[in-house]
Amino acid sequence: MNTLLITYGSQYGYTEQYARWAGQQLEGQYTVQLLPLDALTELAVADADVLVAGFSDYGGFLTGAQELKKYEQELRSKPYALFTVSFSGLAGASQQKLDALLAKNLGESLVQDALGTYHLRGGLDHTRLSFKHKTVMVGIRSAIAALPKKSEANQQMLDSFTQKTVDYSSEEQIAPLVQAVAALA
């Protein structure tokens, strides 16, 4: 049975949850290994037949992207898919914009050569944010509040400040990625 390595950089747990859901859905078609990006090794990448990498979007920086880039040469020898998790996912930005974020963090060719790119919604727990993230969120709140016309994702972000915890993640969102990887088995 082929080996699938699902590696992820998760800031607050949403990306890890998507990685786990994908692994559960693909178990049986693959021998699945889950590994945080900060624990990734050359051997783990080399041993995988297929790789999926997930990243938390943390203010335009993808958690763990630099770790994956270390293994670019090994990665290119196998099929791989990429996914990001952010508060709004495709509800707040286009596929093109989010693919550009991947390219900024990983390099254009790694994104272009991927089996696919997927952008998923996570959530936000204001009680778990770091001091730095809380400070940034004050600016985001002000900027969104000043918009004359707000998208649904903008309004949901504003609402999160009063609700304190919102979660838009769902196992169904990972289905297109799972289908693409399953087709390789």
C-alpha atoms as a PDB file:
ATOM      1  CA  MET A   1       0.000   0.000   0.000  1.00  0.00           C
ATOM      2  CA  ASN A   2       1.291   3.487  -0.878  1.00  0.00           C
ATOM      3  CA  THR A   3       2.275   5.885   1.889  1.00  0.00           C
ATOM      4  CA  LEU A   4       0.606   9.270   2.249  1.00  0.00           C
ATOM      5  CA  LEU A   5       2.363  11.896   4.353  1.00  0.00           C
ATOM      6  CA  ILE A   6       0.092  14.669   5.588  1.00  0.00           C
ATOM      7  CA  THR A   7       2.151  17.443   7.107  1.00  0.00           C
ATOM      8  CA  TYR A   8       0.789  20.646   8.572  1.00  0.00           C
ATOM      9  CA  GLY A   9       1.628  23.927  10.247  1.00  0.00           C
ATOM     10  CA  SER A  10      -1.165  24.788  12.641  1.00  0.00           C
ATOM     11  CA  GLN A  11      -1.287  27.990  14.661  1.00  0.00           C
ATOM     12  CA  TYR A  12      -4.508  27.389  16.614  1.00  0.00           C
ATOM     13  CA  GLY A  13      -5.494  23.816  15.699  1.00  0.00           C
ATOM     14  CA  TYR A  14      -7.763  24.242  12.667  1.00  0.00           C
ATOM     15  CA  THR A  15      -5.162  23.160  10.114  1.00  0.00           C
ATOM     16  CA  GLU A  16      -4.248  20.151  12.221  1.00  0.00           C
ATOM     17  CA  GLN A  17      -7.936  19.197  12.395  1.00  0.00           C
ATOM     18  CA  TYR A  18      -8.237  19.299   8.586  1.00  0.00           C
ATOM     19  CA  ALA A  19      -5.083  17.176   8.311  1.00  0.00           C
ATOM     20  CA  ARG A  20      -6.606  14.617  10.696  1.00  0.00           C
ATOM     21  CA  TRP A  21      -9.910  14.564   8.794  1.00  0.00           C
ATOM     22  CA  ALA A  22      -8.076  14.007   5.502  1.00  0.00           C
ATOM     23  CA  GLY A  23      -6.012  11.226   7.064  1.00  0.00           C
ATOM     24  CA  GLN A  24      -9.095   9.498   8.444  1.00  0.00           C
ATOM     25  CA  GLN A  25     -10.847   9.662   5.084  1.00  0.00           C
ATOM     26  CA  LEU A  26      -7.826   8.339   3.174  1.00  0.00           C
ATOM     27  CA  GLU A  27      -6.871   5.581   5.630  1.00  0.00           C
ATOM     28  CA  GLY A  28      -7.385   2.260   3.889  1.00  0.00           C
ATOM     29  CA  GLN A  29      -6.404   3.646   0.502  1.00  0.00           C
ATOM     30  CA  TYR A  30      -3.017   4.685   1.894  1.00  0.00           C
ATOM     31  CA  THR A  31      -0.847   4.090   4.877  1.00  0.00           C
ATOM     32  CA  VAL A  32      -1.248   7.558   6.383  1.00  0.00           C
ATOM     33  CA  GLN A  33       1.379   9.395   8.414  1.00  0.00           C
ATOM     34  CA  LEU A  34       0.504  12.730  10.076  1.00  0.00           C
ATOM     35  CA  LEU A  35       3.415  14.975  10.952  1.00  0.00           C
ATOM     36  CA  PRO A  36       3.658  18.635  11.999  1.00  0.00           C
ATOM     37  CA  LEU A  37       5.803  20.646   9.589  1.00  0.00           C
ATOM     38  CA  ASP A  38       8.220  21.557  12.369  1.00  0.00           C
ATOM     39  CA  ALA A  39       8.950  17.816  12.801  1.00  0.00           C
ATOM     40  CA  LEU A  40       9.327  17.112   9.070  1.00  0.00           C
ATOM     41  CA  THR A  41      12.452  15.225   8.006  1.00  0.00           C
ATOM     42  CA  GLU A  42      14.083  14.399   4.708  1.00  0.00           C
ATOM     43  CA  LEU A  43      13.466  10.713   5.389  1.00  0.00           C
ATOM     44  CA  ALA A  44       9.726  11.268   5.993  1.00  0.00           C
ATOM     45  CA  VAL A  45       9.419  13.131   2.686  1.00  0.00           C
ATOM     46  CA  ALA A  46      11.516  10.549   0.817  1.00  0.00           C
ATOM     47  CA  ASP A  47       9.475   7.635   2.201  1.00  0.00           C
ATOM     48  CA  ALA A  48       6.129   9.116   1.152  1.00  0.00           C
ATOM     49  CA  ASP A  49       4.569   8.205  -2.177  1.00  0.00           C
ATOM     50  CA  VAL A  50       2.151  11.151  -1.974  1.00  0.00           C
ATOM     51  CA  LEU A  51       2.332  14.256   0.205  1.00  0.00           C
ATOM     52  CA  VAL A  52      -0.268  16.751   1.400  1.00  0.00           C
ATOM     53  CA  ALA A  53       0.864  19.927   3.160  1.00  0.00           C
ATOM     54  CA  GLY A  54      -1.427  22.263   5.061  1.00  0.00           C
ATOM     55  CA  PHE A  55      -0.676  25.735   6.363  1.00  0.00           C
ATOM     56  CA  SER A  56      -2.350  28.174   8.709  1.00  0.00           C
ATOM     57  CA  ASP A  57      -2.600  31.646   7.211  1.00  0.00           C
ATOM     58  CA  TYR A  58      -1.258  33.860   9.961  1.00  0.00           C
ATOM     59  CA  GLY A  59      -1.460  37.414   8.634  1.00  0.00           C
ATOM     60  CA  GLY A  60      -0.200  36.474   5.181  1.00  0.00           C
ATOM     61  CA  PHE A  61       2.520  34.163   6.507  1.00  0.00           C
ATOM     62  CA  LEU A  62       1.912  30.440   6.209  1.00  0.00           C
ATOM     63  CA  THR A  63       2.871  28.539   9.340  1.00  0.00           C
ATOM     64  CA  GLY A  64       5.572  26.010   8.479  1.00  0.00           C
ATOM     65  CA  ALA A  65       6.087  27.077   4.865  1.00  0.00           C
ATOM     66  CA  GLN A  66       9.827  27.531   5.386  1.00  0.00           C
ATOM     67  CA  GLU A  67      10.060  23.985   6.756  1.00  0.00           C
ATOM     68  CA  LEU A  68       8.479  22.517   3.631  1.00  0.00           C
ATOM     69  CA  LYS A  69      10.701  24.600   1.332  1.00  0.00           C
ATOM     70  CA  LYS A  70      13.755  22.854   2.817  1.00  0.00           C
ATOM     71  CA  TYR A  71      12.593  19.666   1.094  1.00  0.00           C
ATOM     72  CA  GLU A  72      11.632  21.142  -2.262  1.00  0.00           C
ATOM     73  CA  GLN A  73      13.833  18.780  -4.279  1.00  0.00           C
ATOM     74  CA  GLU A  74      12.458  15.644  -2.578  1.00  0.00           C
ATOM     75  CA  LEU A  75       8.915  16.978  -2.875  1.00  0.00           C
ATOM     76  CA  ARG A  76       9.195  17.424  -6.633  1.00  0.00           C
ATOM     77  CA  SER A  77       9.720  13.686  -7.095  1.00  0.00           C
ATOM     78  CA  LYS A  78       6.159  12.831  -6.039  1.00  0.00           C
ATOM     79  CA  PRO A  79       2.593  14.084  -6.351  1.00  0.00           C
ATOM     80  CA  TYR A  80       1.639  16.605  -3.682  1.00  0.00           C
ATOM     81  CA  ALA A  81      -1.290  18.837  -2.806  1.00  0.00           C
ATOM     82  CA  LEU A  82      -1.351  22.049  -0.778  1.00  0.00           C
ATOM     83  CA  PHE A  83      -4.007  23.587   1.430  1.00  0.00           C
ATOM     84  CA  THR A  84      -4.374  26.694   3.526  1.00  0.00           C
ATOM     85  CA  VAL A  85      -6.681  27.429   6.409  1.00  0.00           C
ATOM     86  CA  SER A  86      -7.754  30.949   7.268  1.00  0.00           C
ATOM     87  CA  PHE A  87     -10.675  32.623   8.967  1.00  0.00           C
ATOM     88  CA  SER A  88     -12.547  33.273   5.738  1.00  0.00           C
ATOM     89  CA  GLY A  89     -10.980  30.927   3.153  1.00  0.00           C
ATOM     90  CA  LEU A  90     -12.651  31.311  -0.234  1.00  0.00           C
ATOM     91  CA  ALA A  91     -15.549  33.180   1.385  1.00  0.00           C
ATOM     92  CA  GLY A  92     -13.242  36.164   1.808  1.00  0.00           C
ATOM     93  CA  ALA A  93     -10.726  35.891  -1.028  1.00  0.00           C
ATOM     94  CA  SER A  94     -10.484  34.416  -4.505  1.00  0.00           C
ATOM     95  CA  GLN A  95      -8.661  31.203  -5.413  1.00  0.00           C
ATOM     96  CA  GLN A  96      -6.208  33.340  -7.373  1.00  0.00           C
ATOM     97  CA  LYS A  97      -5.432  35.581  -4.396  1.00  0.00           C
ATOM     98  CA  LEU A  98      -4.977  32.649  -2.030  1.00  0.00           C
ATOM     99  CA  ASP A  99      -2.812  30.786  -4.562  1.00  0.00           C
ATOM    100  CA  ALA A 100      -0.700  33.952  -4.774  1.00  0.00           C
ATOM    101  CA  LEU A 101      -0.285  33.789  -0.991  1.00  0.00           C
ATOM    102  CA  LEU A 102       0.947  30.207  -1.354  1.00  0.00           C
ATOM    103  CA  ALA A 103       3.347  31.306  -4.109  1.00  0.00           C
ATOM    104  CA  LYS A 104       4.660  34.173  -1.965  1.00  0.00           C
ATOM    105  CA  ASN A 105       5.435  31.750   0.862  1.00  0.00           C
ATOM    106  CA  LEU A 106       6.528  28.648  -1.101  1.00  0.00           C
ATOM    107  CA  GLY A 107       7.576  29.906  -4.507  1.00  0.00           C
ATOM    108  CA  GLU A 108       5.579  30.028  -7.721  1.00  0.00           C
ATOM    109  CA  SER A 109       6.829  26.742  -9.160  1.00  0.00           C
ATOM    110  CA  LEU A 110       5.913  24.656  -6.092  1.00  0.00           C
ATOM    111  CA  VAL A 111       2.365  25.982  -6.324  1.00  0.00           C
ATOM    112  CA  GLN A 112       2.109  25.485 -10.081  1.00  0.00           C
ATOM    113  CA  ASP A 113       3.406  21.914  -9.885  1.00  0.00           C
ATOM    114  CA  ALA A 114       1.016  20.878  -7.104  1.00  0.00           C
ATOM    115  CA  LEU A 115      -1.706  18.331  -7.741  1.00  0.00           C
ATOM    116  CA  GLY A 116      -4.079  21.020  -6.464  1.00  0.00           C
ATOM    117  CA  THR A 117      -4.450  23.898  -4.051  1.00  0.00           C
ATOM    118  CA  TYR A 118      -7.302  24.112  -1.579  1.00  0.00           C
ATOM    119  CA  HIS A 119      -8.315  26.978   0.689  1.00  0.00           C
ATOM    120  CA  LEU A 120     -10.455  26.194   3.688  1.00  0.00           C
ATOM    121  CA  ARG A 121     -12.208  28.092   6.451  1.00  0.00           C
ATOM    122  CA  GLY A 122     -11.056  27.735  10.011  1.00  0.00           C
ATOM    123  CA  GLY A 123     -12.179  29.716  12.984  1.00  0.00           C
ATOM    124  CA  LEU A 124     -11.089  32.178  15.591  1.00  0.00           C
ATOM    125  CA  ASP A 125     -10.893  31.927  19.349  1.00  0.00           C
ATOM    126  CA  HIS A 126     -10.047  35.370  20.683  1.00  0.00           C
ATOM    127  CA  THR A 127      -9.295  33.896  24.116  1.00  0.00           C
ATOM    128  CA  ARG A 128      -6.376  31.860  22.691  1.00  0.00           C
ATOM    129  CA  LEU A 129      -4.720  34.575  20.600  1.00  0.00           C
ATOM    130  CA  SER A 130      -1.171  35.617  21.367  1.00  0.00           C
ATOM    131  CA  PHE A 131      -0.624  39.203  22.495  1.00  0.00           C
ATOM    132  CA  LYS A 132       0.857  40.016  19.076  1.00  0.00           C
ATOM    133  CA  HIS A 133      -2.132  38.510  17.272  1.00  0.00           C
ATOM    134  CA  LYS A 134      -4.594  40.368  19.549  1.00  0.00           C
ATOM    135  CA  THR A 135      -2.815  43.622  18.728  1.00  0.00           C
ATOM    136  CA  VAL A 136      -3.053  42.941  14.997  1.00  0.00           C
ATOM    137  CA  MET A 137      -6.719  42.033  15.361  1.00  0.00           C
ATOM    138  CA  VAL A 138      -7.490  45.496  16.789  1.00  0.00           C
ATOM    139  CA  GLY A 139      -6.239  46.997  13.525  1.00  0.00           C
ATOM    140  CA  ILE A 140      -8.170  44.486  11.442  1.00  0.00           C
ATOM    141  CA  ARG A 141     -11.339  45.237  13.388  1.00  0.00           C
ATOM    142  CA  SER A 142     -10.944  48.981  12.791  1.00  0.00           C
ATOM    143  CA  ALA A 143     -10.226  48.518   9.094  1.00  0.00           C
ATOM    144  CA  ILE A 144     -13.248  46.272   8.560  1.00  0.00           C
ATOM    145  CA  ALA A 145     -15.545  48.483  10.627  1.00  0.00           C
ATOM    146  CA  ALA A 146     -14.590  51.433   8.406  1.00  0.00           C
ATOM    147  CA  LEU A 147     -15.572  49.659   5.189  1.00  0.00           C
ATOM    148  CA  PRO A 148     -18.709  51.210   3.679  1.00  0.00           C
ATOM    149  CA  LYS A 149     -19.822  47.839   2.297  1.00  0.00           C
ATOM    150  CA  LYS A 150     -18.932  44.659   4.149  1.00  0.00           C
ATOM    151  CA  SER A 151     -18.822  41.154   2.731  1.00  0.00           C
ATOM    152  CA  GLU A 152     -20.358  38.300   4.671  1.00  0.00           C
ATOM    153  CA  ALA A 153     -16.856  37.236   5.764  1.00  0.00           C
ATOM    154  CA  ASN A 154     -16.116  40.824   6.900  1.00  0.00           C
ATOM    155  CA  GLN A 155     -19.271  40.874   9.009  1.00  0.00           C
ATOM    156  CA  GLN A 156     -18.454  37.465  10.459  1.00  0.00           C
ATOM    157  CA  MET A 157     -15.023  38.755  11.464  1.00  0.00           C
ATOM    158  CA  LEU A 158     -16.615  41.725  13.233  1.00  0.00           C
ATOM    159  CA  ASP A 159     -19.117  39.424  14.934  1.00  0.00           C
ATOM    160  CA  SER A 160     -16.270  37.228  16.202  1.00  0.00           C
ATOM    161  CA  PHE A 161     -15.150  40.019  18.521  1.00  0.00           C
ATOM    162  CA  THR A 162     -18.403  39.835  20.484  1.00  0.00           C
ATOM    163  CA  GLN A 163     -18.857  36.064  20.201  1.00  0.00           C
ATOM    164  CA  LYS A 164     -15.196  35.465  21.203  1.00  0.00           C
ATOM    165  CA  THR A 165     -15.127  32.019  19.547  1.00  0.00           C
ATOM    166  CA  VAL A 166     -16.325  31.112  16.066  1.00  0.00           C
ATOM    167  CA  ASP A 167     -15.619  27.959  14.093  1.00  0.00           C
ATOM    168  CA  TYR A 168     -16.333  27.672  10.371  1.00  0.00           C
ATOM    169  CA  SER A 169     -14.315  24.503   9.866  1.00  0.00           C
ATOM    170  CA  SER A 170     -16.106  21.411   8.608  1.00  0.00           C
ATOM    171  CA  GLU A 171     -15.004  18.014   7.438  1.00  0.00           C
ATOM    172  CA  GLU A 172     -16.920  18.507   4.170  1.00  0.00           C
ATOM    173  CA  GLN A 173     -14.544  21.287   3.085  1.00  0.00           C
ATOM    174  CA  ILE A 174     -11.656  18.829   2.770  1.00  0.00           C
ATOM    175  CA  ALA A 175     -13.623  16.572   0.358  1.00  0.00           C
ATOM    176  CA  PRO A 176     -12.190  17.969  -2.937  1.00  0.00           C
ATOM    177  CA  LEU A 177      -8.625  17.471  -1.694  1.00  0.00           C
ATOM    178  CA  VAL A 178      -9.425  13.957  -0.456  1.00  0.00           C
ATOM    179  CA  GLN A 179     -10.989  13.061  -3.813  1.00  0.00           C
ATOM    180  CA  ALA A 180      -7.932  14.286  -5.730  1.00  0.00           C
ATOM    181  CA  VAL A 181      -5.533  12.316  -3.519  1.00  0.00           C
ATOM    182  CA  ALA A 182      -7.763   9.224  -3.503  1.00  0.00           C
ATOM    183  CA  ALA A 183      -7.706   9.217  -7.321  1.00  0.00           C
ATOM    184  CA  LEU A 184      -3.943   8.590  -7.174  1.00  0.00           C
ATOM    185  CA  ALA A 185      -4.234   5.444  -5.030  1.00  0.00           C
END
